[in-house]
PDB file of all heavy atoms in Angstrom:
ATOM      1  N   VAL A   1       0.848  -1.199   0.010  1.00  0.00           N
ATOM      2  CA  VAL A   1      -0.001  -0.027  -0.062  1.00  0.00           C
ATOM      3  C   VAL A   1       0.892   1.231  -0.007  1.00  0.00           C
ATOM      4  O   VAL A   1       0.595   2.250  -0.705  1.00  0.00           O
ATOM      5  CB  VAL A   1      -0.948  -0.001   1.245  1.00  0.00           C
ATOM      6  CG1 VAL A   1      -1.730   1.326   1.311  1.00  0.00           C
ATOM      7  CG2 VAL A   1      -1.928  -1.149   1.169  1.00  0.00           C
ATOM      8  N   ARG A   2       1.905   1.262   0.833  1.00  0.00           N
ATOM      9  CA  ARG A   2       2.805   2.409   0.882  1.00  0.00           C
ATOM     10  C   ARG A   2       3.506   2.540  -0.404  1.00  0.00           C
ATOM     11  O   ARG A   2       3.749   3.687  -0.930  1.00  0.00           O
ATOM     12  CB  ARG A   2       3.886   2.247   2.033  1.00  0.00           C
ATOM     13  CG  ARG A   2       3.202   2.486   3.393  1.00  0.00           C
ATOM     14  CD  ARG A   2       4.378   2.731   4.393  1.00  0.00           C
ATOM     15  NE  ARG A   2       5.192   1.553   4.483  1.00  0.00           N
ATOM     16  CZ  ARG A   2       4.971   0.539   5.373  1.00  0.00           C
ATOM     17  NH1 ARG A   2       3.925   0.617   6.176  1.00  0.00           N
ATOM     18  NH2 ARG A   2       5.794  -0.483   5.362  1.00  0.00           N
ATOM     19  N   ALA A   3       3.896   1.443  -1.111  1.00  0.00           N
ATOM     20  CA  ALA A   3       4.594   1.540  -2.365  1.00  0.00           C
ATOM     21  C   ALA A   3       3.693   2.134  -3.401  1.00  0.00           C
ATOM     22  O   ALA A   3       4.014   2.997  -4.258  1.00  0.00           O
ATOM     23  CB  ALA A   3       5.056   0.150  -2.766  1.00  0.00           C
ATOM     24  N   GLN A   4       2.368   1.719  -3.445  1.00  0.00           N
ATOM     25  CA  GLN A   4       1.426   2.321  -4.323  1.00  0.00           C
ATOM     26  C   GLN A   4       1.270   3.772  -4.182  1.00  0.00           C
ATOM     27  O   GLN A   4       1.139   4.597  -5.041  1.00  0.00           O
ATOM     28  CB  GLN A   4       0.093   1.550  -4.227  1.00  0.00           C
ATOM     29  CG  GLN A   4       0.130   0.142  -4.788  1.00  0.00           C
ATOM     30  CD  GLN A   4      -1.235  -0.494  -4.654  1.00  0.00           C
ATOM     31  OE1 GLN A   4      -2.165   0.052  -4.249  1.00  0.00           O
ATOM     32  NE2 GLN A   4      -1.310  -1.850  -4.903  1.00  0.00           N
ATOM     33  N   GLY A   5       1.182   4.177  -2.890  1.00  0.00           N
ATOM     34  CA  GLY A   5       1.130   5.684  -2.500  1.00  0.00           C
ATOM     35  C   GLY A   5       2.237   6.360  -3.064  1.00  0.00           C
ATOM     36  O   GLY A   5       2.149   7.546  -3.649  1.00  0.00           O
ATOM     37  N   ARG A   6       3.419   5.779  -2.734  1.00  0.00           N
ATOM     38  CA  ARG A   6       4.663   6.536  -3.283  1.00  0.00           C
ATOM     39  C   ARG A   6       4.634   6.596  -4.848  1.00  0.00           C
ATOM     40  O   ARG A   6       5.078   7.604  -5.353  1.00  0.00           O
ATOM     41  CB  ARG A   6       5.900   5.851  -2.817  1.00  0.00           C
ATOM     42  CG  ARG A   6       6.220   5.938  -1.340  1.00  0.00           C
ATOM     43  CD  ARG A   6       7.626   5.568  -1.018  1.00  0.00           C
ATOM     44  NE  ARG A   6       7.822   4.170  -1.251  1.00  0.00           N
ATOM     45  CZ  ARG A   6       7.687   3.158  -0.353  1.00  0.00           C
ATOM     46  NH1 ARG A   6       7.206   3.466   0.869  1.00  0.00           N
ATOM     47  NH2 ARG A   6       7.864   1.869  -0.669  1.00  0.00           N
ATOM     48  N   PHE A   7       4.183   5.589  -5.547  1.00  0.00           N
ATOM     49  CA  PHE A   7       4.094   5.647  -6.922  1.00  0.00           C
ATOM     50  C   PHE A   7       3.199   6.768  -7.515  1.00  0.00           C
ATOM     51  O   PHE A   7       3.526   7.513  -8.414  1.00  0.00           O
ATOM     52  CB  PHE A   7       3.607   4.284  -7.505  1.00  0.00           C
ATOM     53  CG  PHE A   7       3.453   4.275  -8.947  1.00  0.00           C
ATOM     54  CD1 PHE A   7       4.448   4.021  -9.855  1.00  0.00           C
ATOM     55  CD2 PHE A   7       2.199   4.406  -9.574  1.00  0.00           C
ATOM     56  CE1 PHE A   7       4.318   4.038 -11.221  1.00  0.00           C
ATOM     57  CE2 PHE A   7       1.967   4.396 -10.995  1.00  0.00           C
ATOM     58  CZ  PHE A   7       3.036   4.179 -11.782  1.00  0.00           C
ATOM     59  N   TRP A   8       2.009   6.865  -6.879  1.00  0.00           N
ATOM     60  CA  TRP A   8       1.061   7.849  -7.351  1.00  0.00           C
ATOM     61  C   TRP A   8       1.459   9.249  -7.024  1.00  0.00           C
ATOM     62  O   TRP A   8       1.109  10.227  -7.710  1.00  0.00           O
ATOM     63  CB  TRP A   8      -0.361   7.608  -6.814  1.00  0.00           C
ATOM     64  CG  TRP A   8      -0.997   6.415  -7.390  1.00  0.00           C
ATOM     65  CD1 TRP A   8      -1.133   5.152  -6.767  1.00  0.00           C
ATOM     66  CD2 TRP A   8      -1.637   6.315  -8.669  1.00  0.00           C
ATOM     67  NE1 TRP A   8      -1.783   4.316  -7.592  1.00  0.00           N
ATOM     68  CE2 TRP A   8      -2.135   4.945  -8.769  1.00  0.00           C
ATOM     69  CE3 TRP A   8      -1.831   7.146  -9.758  1.00  0.00           C
ATOM     70  CZ2 TRP A   8      -2.771   4.443  -9.944  1.00  0.00           C
ATOM     71  CZ3 TRP A   8      -2.426   6.729 -10.865  1.00  0.00           C
ATOM     72  CH2 TRP A   8      -2.872   5.410 -10.974  1.00  0.00           C
ATOM     73  N   GLN A   9       2.283   9.429  -5.949  1.00  0.00           N
ATOM     74  CA  GLN A   9       2.768  10.705  -5.563  1.00  0.00           C
ATOM     75  C   GLN A   9       4.203  11.062  -5.996  1.00  0.00           C
ATOM     76  O   GLN A   9       4.691  12.124  -5.695  1.00  0.00           O
ATOM     77  CB  GLN A   9       2.745  10.728  -4.025  1.00  0.00           C
ATOM     78  CG  GLN A   9       1.273  10.749  -3.509  1.00  0.00           C
ATOM     79  CD  GLN A   9       1.304  10.748  -1.971  1.00  0.00           C
ATOM     80  OE1 GLN A   9       2.387  10.796  -1.360  1.00  0.00           O
ATOM     81  NE2 GLN A   9       0.126  10.515  -1.317  1.00  0.00           N
ATOM     82  N   ALA A  10       4.774  10.167  -6.842  1.00  0.00           N
ATOM     83  CA  ALA A  10       6.113  10.370  -7.315  1.00  0.00           C
ATOM     84  C   ALA A  10       6.131  11.587  -8.253  1.00  0.00           C
ATOM     85  O   ALA A  10       5.185  11.769  -9.013  1.00  0.00           O
ATOM     86  CB  ALA A  10       6.680   9.150  -8.095  1.00  0.00           C
ATOM     87  N   ARG A  11       7.207  12.326  -8.126  1.00  0.00           N
ATOM     88  CA  ARG A  11       7.205  13.616  -8.949  1.00  0.00           C
ATOM     89  C   ARG A  11       7.237  13.370 -10.468  1.00  0.00           C
ATOM     90  O   ARG A  11       6.525  14.027 -11.182  1.00  0.00           O
ATOM     91  CB  ARG A  11       8.467  14.403  -8.568  1.00  0.00           C
ATOM     92  CG  ARG A  11       8.625  15.730  -9.400  1.00  0.00           C
ATOM     93  CD  ARG A  11       9.784  16.589  -8.989  1.00  0.00           C
ATOM     94  NE  ARG A  11       9.869  17.739  -9.742  1.00  0.00           N
ATOM     95  CZ  ARG A  11       9.148  18.864  -9.602  1.00  0.00           C
ATOM     96  NH1 ARG A  11       8.165  18.819  -8.735  1.00  0.00           N
ATOM     97  NH2 ARG A  11       9.300  19.856 -10.428  1.00  0.00           N
ATOM     98  N   TRP A  12       7.970  12.263 -10.864  1.00  0.00           N
ATOM     99  CA  TRP A  12       8.010  12.055 -12.265  1.00  0.00           C
ATOM    100  C   TRP A  12       6.665  11.571 -12.806  1.00  0.00           C
ATOM    101  O   TRP A  12       6.281  11.920 -13.945  1.00  0.00           O
ATOM    102  CB  TRP A  12       9.005  10.918 -12.551  1.00  0.00           C
ATOM    103  CG  TRP A  12       8.596   9.458 -12.079  1.00  0.00           C
ATOM    104  CD1 TRP A  12       8.886   8.970 -10.896  1.00  0.00           C
ATOM    105  CD2 TRP A  12       7.807   8.560 -12.770  1.00  0.00           C
ATOM    106  NE1 TRP A  12       8.318   7.735 -10.720  1.00  0.00           N
ATOM    107  CE2 TRP A  12       7.667   7.409 -11.839  1.00  0.00           C
ATOM    108  CE3 TRP A  12       7.180   8.567 -13.948  1.00  0.00           C
ATOM    109  CZ2 TRP A  12       6.919   6.316 -12.270  1.00  0.00           C
ATOM    110  CZ3 TRP A  12       6.383   7.461 -14.367  1.00  0.00           C
ATOM    111  CH2 TRP A  12       6.305   6.339 -13.501  1.00  0.00           C
ATOM    112  N   PHE A  13       5.838  10.841 -11.997  1.00  0.00           N
ATOM    113  CA  PHE A  13       4.519  10.474 -12.426  1.00  0.00           C
ATOM    114  C   PHE A  13       3.578  11.723 -12.503  1.00  0.00           C
ATOM    115  O   PHE A  13       2.724  11.813 -13.454  1.00  0.00           O
ATOM    116  CB  PHE A  13       3.937   9.432 -11.493  1.00  0.00           C
ATOM    117  CG  PHE A  13       2.563   8.954 -11.862  1.00  0.00           C
ATOM    118  CD1 PHE A  13       2.403   8.016 -12.839  1.00  0.00           C
ATOM    119  CD2 PHE A  13       1.420   9.447 -11.247  1.00  0.00           C
ATOM    120  CE1 PHE A  13       1.154   7.575 -13.276  1.00  0.00           C
ATOM    121  CE2 PHE A  13       0.143   8.925 -11.633  1.00  0.00           C
ATOM    122  CZ  PHE A  13       0.054   8.000 -12.627  1.00  0.00           C
ATOM    123  N   ILE A  14       3.681  12.637 -11.605  1.00  0.00           N
ATOM    124  CA  ILE A  14       2.889  13.877 -11.601  1.00  0.00           C
ATOM    125  C   ILE A  14       3.190  14.671 -12.854  1.00  0.00           C
ATOM    126  O   ILE A  14       2.292  15.237 -13.575  1.00  0.00           O
ATOM    127  CB  ILE A  14       3.148  14.681 -10.333  1.00  0.00           C
ATOM    128  CG1 ILE A  14       2.641  13.964  -9.116  1.00  0.00           C
ATOM    129  CG2 ILE A  14       2.463  16.040 -10.454  1.00  0.00           C
ATOM    130  CD1 ILE A  14       2.969  14.598  -7.854  1.00  0.00           C
ATOM    131  N   VAL A  15       4.524  14.751 -13.180  1.00  0.00           N
ATOM    132  CA  VAL A  15       4.976  15.454 -14.406  1.00  0.00           C
ATOM    133  C   VAL A  15       4.356  14.811 -15.669  1.00  0.00           C
ATOM    134  O   VAL A  15       3.876  15.469 -16.594  1.00  0.00           O
ATOM    135  CB  VAL A  15       6.436  15.543 -14.496  1.00  0.00           C
ATOM    136  CG1 VAL A  15       6.878  16.174 -15.824  1.00  0.00           C
ATOM    137  CG2 VAL A  15       7.057  16.447 -13.332  1.00  0.00           C
ATOM    138  N   VAL A  16       4.495  13.509 -15.771  1.00  0.00           N
ATOM    139  CA  VAL A  16       3.981  12.805 -16.913  1.00  0.00           C
ATOM    140  C   VAL A  16       2.472  12.988 -17.063  1.00  0.00           C
ATOM    141  O   VAL A  16       1.915  13.184 -18.119  1.00  0.00           O
ATOM    142  CB  VAL A  16       4.282  11.247 -16.856  1.00  0.00           C
ATOM    143  CG1 VAL A  16       3.571  10.427 -17.873  1.00  0.00           C
ATOM    144  CG2 VAL A  16       5.826  11.125 -17.000  1.00  0.00           C
ATOM    145  N   ARG A  17       1.711  12.907 -15.910  1.00  0.00           N
ATOM    146  CA  ARG A  17       0.365  13.059 -15.927  1.00  0.00           C
ATOM    147  C   ARG A  17      -0.037  14.523 -16.415  1.00  0.00           C
ATOM    148  O   ARG A  17      -0.956  14.691 -17.166  1.00  0.00           O
ATOM    149  CB  ARG A  17      -0.199  12.805 -14.514  1.00  0.00           C
ATOM    150  CG  ARG A  17      -1.723  12.835 -14.373  1.00  0.00           C
ATOM    151  CD  ARG A  17      -2.196  12.362 -12.999  1.00  0.00           C
ATOM    152  NE  ARG A  17      -1.579  13.251 -11.981  1.00  0.00           N
ATOM    153  CZ  ARG A  17      -1.650  12.961 -10.635  1.00  0.00           C
ATOM    154  NH1 ARG A  17      -2.290  11.824 -10.302  1.00  0.00           N
ATOM    155  NH2 ARG A  17      -1.089  13.730  -9.821  1.00  0.00           N
ATOM    156  N   ALA A  18       0.698  15.503 -15.885  1.00  0.00           N
ATOM    157  CA  ALA A  18       0.396  16.883 -16.341  1.00  0.00           C
ATOM    158  C   ALA A  18       0.669  17.102 -17.793  1.00  0.00           C
ATOM    159  O   ALA A  18      -0.306  17.714 -18.536  1.00  0.00           O
ATOM    160  CB  ALA A  18       1.266  17.856 -15.633  1.00  0.00           C
ATOM    161  N   PHE A  19       1.639  16.516 -18.370  1.00  0.00           N
ATOM    162  CA  PHE A  19       1.954  16.693 -19.826  1.00  0.00           C
ATOM    163  C   PHE A  19       0.909  15.860 -20.574  1.00  0.00           C
ATOM    164  O   PHE A  19       0.527  16.318 -21.746  1.00  0.00           O
ATOM    165  CB  PHE A  19       3.409  16.155 -20.113  1.00  0.00           C
ATOM    166  CG  PHE A  19       4.426  17.194 -19.875  1.00  0.00           C
ATOM    167  CD1 PHE A  19       5.450  16.977 -18.892  1.00  0.00           C
ATOM    168  CD2 PHE A  19       4.427  18.346 -20.620  1.00  0.00           C
ATOM    169  CE1 PHE A  19       6.415  17.908 -18.643  1.00  0.00           C
ATOM    170  CE2 PHE A  19       5.483  19.328 -20.292  1.00  0.00           C
ATOM    171  CZ  PHE A  19       6.413  19.163 -19.404  1.00  0.00           C
ATOM    172  N   SER A  20       0.470  14.726 -20.107  1.00  0.00           N
ATOM    173  CA  SER A  20      -0.507  13.944 -20.811  1.00  0.00           C
ATOM    174  C   SER A  20      -1.906  14.757 -20.871  1.00  0.00           C
ATOM    175  O   SER A  20      -2.469  14.792 -21.886  1.00  0.00           O
ATOM    176  CB  SER A  20      -0.756  12.637 -20.015  1.00  0.00           C
ATOM    177  OG  SER A  20       0.380  11.878 -19.999  1.00  0.00           O
ATOM    178  N   VAL A  21      -2.228  15.440 -19.754  1.00  0.00           N
ATOM    179  CA  VAL A  21      -3.481  16.259 -19.832  1.00  0.00           C
ATOM    180  C   VAL A  21      -3.245  17.363 -20.799  1.00  0.00           C
ATOM    181  O   VAL A  21      -4.210  17.704 -21.609  1.00  0.00           O
ATOM    182  CB  VAL A  21      -3.779  16.856 -18.421  1.00  0.00           C
ATOM    183  CG1 VAL A  21      -4.856  17.796 -18.460  1.00  0.00           C
ATOM    184  CG2 VAL A  21      -4.157  15.605 -17.455  1.00  0.00           C
ATOM    185  N   PHE A  22      -2.080  17.994 -20.768  1.00  0.00           N
ATOM    186  CA  PHE A  22      -1.885  19.164 -21.740  1.00  0.00           C
ATOM    187  C   PHE A  22      -1.949  18.713 -23.156  1.00  0.00           C
ATOM    188  O   PHE A  22      -2.647  19.367 -23.948  1.00  0.00           O
ATOM    189  CB  PHE A  22      -0.475  19.778 -21.467  1.00  0.00           C
ATOM    190  CG  PHE A  22      -0.024  20.791 -22.430  1.00  0.00           C
ATOM    191  CD1 PHE A  22      -0.569  22.105 -22.401  1.00  0.00           C
ATOM    192  CD2 PHE A  22       0.934  20.486 -23.391  1.00  0.00           C
ATOM    193  CE1 PHE A  22      -0.127  22.992 -23.363  1.00  0.00           C
ATOM    194  CE2 PHE A  22       1.255  21.397 -24.338  1.00  0.00           C
ATOM    195  CZ  PHE A  22       0.780  22.716 -24.275  1.00  0.00           C
ATOM    196  N   ILE A  23      -1.338  17.530 -23.490  1.00  0.00           N
ATOM    197  CA  ILE A  23      -1.343  17.113 -24.907  1.00  0.00           C
ATOM    198  C   ILE A  23      -2.740  16.596 -25.264  1.00  0.00           C
ATOM    199  O   ILE A  23      -3.167  16.812 -26.363  1.00  0.00           O
ATOM    200  CB  ILE A  23      -0.358  15.920 -25.066  1.00  0.00           C
ATOM    201  CG1 ILE A  23       1.082  16.428 -24.848  1.00  0.00           C
ATOM    202  CG2 ILE A  23      -0.425  15.155 -26.420  1.00  0.00           C
ATOM    203  CD1 ILE A  23       2.162  15.331 -24.855  1.00  0.00           C
ATOM    204  N   GLY A  24      -3.489  16.090 -24.321  1.00  0.00           N
ATOM    205  CA  GLY A  24      -4.867  15.655 -24.597  1.00  0.00           C
ATOM    206  C   GLY A  24      -5.735  16.891 -24.888  1.00  0.00           C
ATOM    207  O   GLY A  24      -6.478  16.797 -25.904  1.00  0.00           O
ATOM    208  N   ILE A  25      -5.611  17.909 -24.142  1.00  0.00           N
ATOM    209  CA  ILE A  25      -6.347  19.176 -24.392  1.00  0.00           C
ATOM    210  C   ILE A  25      -5.957  19.659 -25.848  1.00  0.00           C
ATOM    211  O   ILE A  25      -6.741  20.144 -26.570  1.00  0.00           O
ATOM    212  CB  ILE A  25      -6.176  20.212 -23.334  1.00  0.00           C
ATOM    213  CG1 ILE A  25      -6.760  19.702 -21.966  1.00  0.00           C
ATOM    214  CG2 ILE A  25      -6.703  21.551 -23.739  1.00  0.00           C
ATOM    215  CD1 ILE A  25      -6.443  20.563 -20.851  1.00  0.00           C
ATOM    216  N   TRP A  26      -4.658  19.748 -26.119  1.00  0.00           N
ATOM    217  CA  TRP A  26      -4.172  20.231 -27.382  1.00  0.00           C
ATOM    218  C   TRP A  26      -4.715  19.467 -28.468  1.00  0.00           C
ATOM    219  O   TRP A  26      -5.152  20.035 -29.503  1.00  0.00           O
ATOM    220  CB  TRP A  26      -2.663  20.117 -27.400  1.00  0.00           C
ATOM    221  CG  TRP A  26      -1.979  20.581 -28.589  1.00  0.00           C
ATOM    222  CD1 TRP A  26      -2.499  21.057 -29.735  1.00  0.00           C
ATOM    223  CD2 TRP A  26      -0.535  20.394 -28.840  1.00  0.00           C
ATOM    224  NE1 TRP A  26      -1.554  21.269 -30.697  1.00  0.00           N
ATOM    225  CE2 TRP A  26      -0.290  20.899 -30.248  1.00  0.00           C
ATOM    226  CE3 TRP A  26       0.587  19.955 -28.061  1.00  0.00           C
ATOM    227  CZ2 TRP A  26       0.970  21.016 -30.787  1.00  0.00           C
ATOM    228  CZ3 TRP A  26       1.798  19.983 -28.766  1.00  0.00           C
ATOM    229  CH2 TRP A  26       1.953  20.558 -30.047  1.00  0.00           C
ATOM    230  N   TYR A  27      -4.791  18.106 -28.327  1.00  0.00           N
ATOM    231  CA  TYR A  27      -5.372  17.227 -29.479  1.00  0.00           C
ATOM    232  C   TYR A  27      -6.876  17.597 -29.631  1.00  0.00           C
ATOM    233  O   TYR A  27      -7.241  17.695 -30.841  1.00  0.00           O
ATOM    234  CB  TYR A  27      -5.141  15.816 -29.130  1.00  0.00           C
ATOM    235  CG  TYR A  27      -5.722  14.828 -30.094  1.00  0.00           C
ATOM    236  CD1 TYR A  27      -5.110  14.636 -31.264  1.00  0.00           C
ATOM    237  CD2 TYR A  27      -6.939  14.150 -29.841  1.00  0.00           C
ATOM    238  CE1 TYR A  27      -5.588  13.783 -32.274  1.00  0.00           C
ATOM    239  CE2 TYR A  27      -7.422  13.290 -30.770  1.00  0.00           C
ATOM    240  CZ  TYR A  27      -6.802  13.119 -31.968  1.00  0.00           C
ATOM    241  OH  TYR A  27      -7.253  12.260 -32.946  1.00  0.00           O
TER     242      TYR A  27
END
């Protein structure tokens, strides 16, 4: 459970998620 929490809160994952949202809106 802690590992999953760290995964979802990892900085690299947040960055990837933000760019994915941006590219989706752009599309």
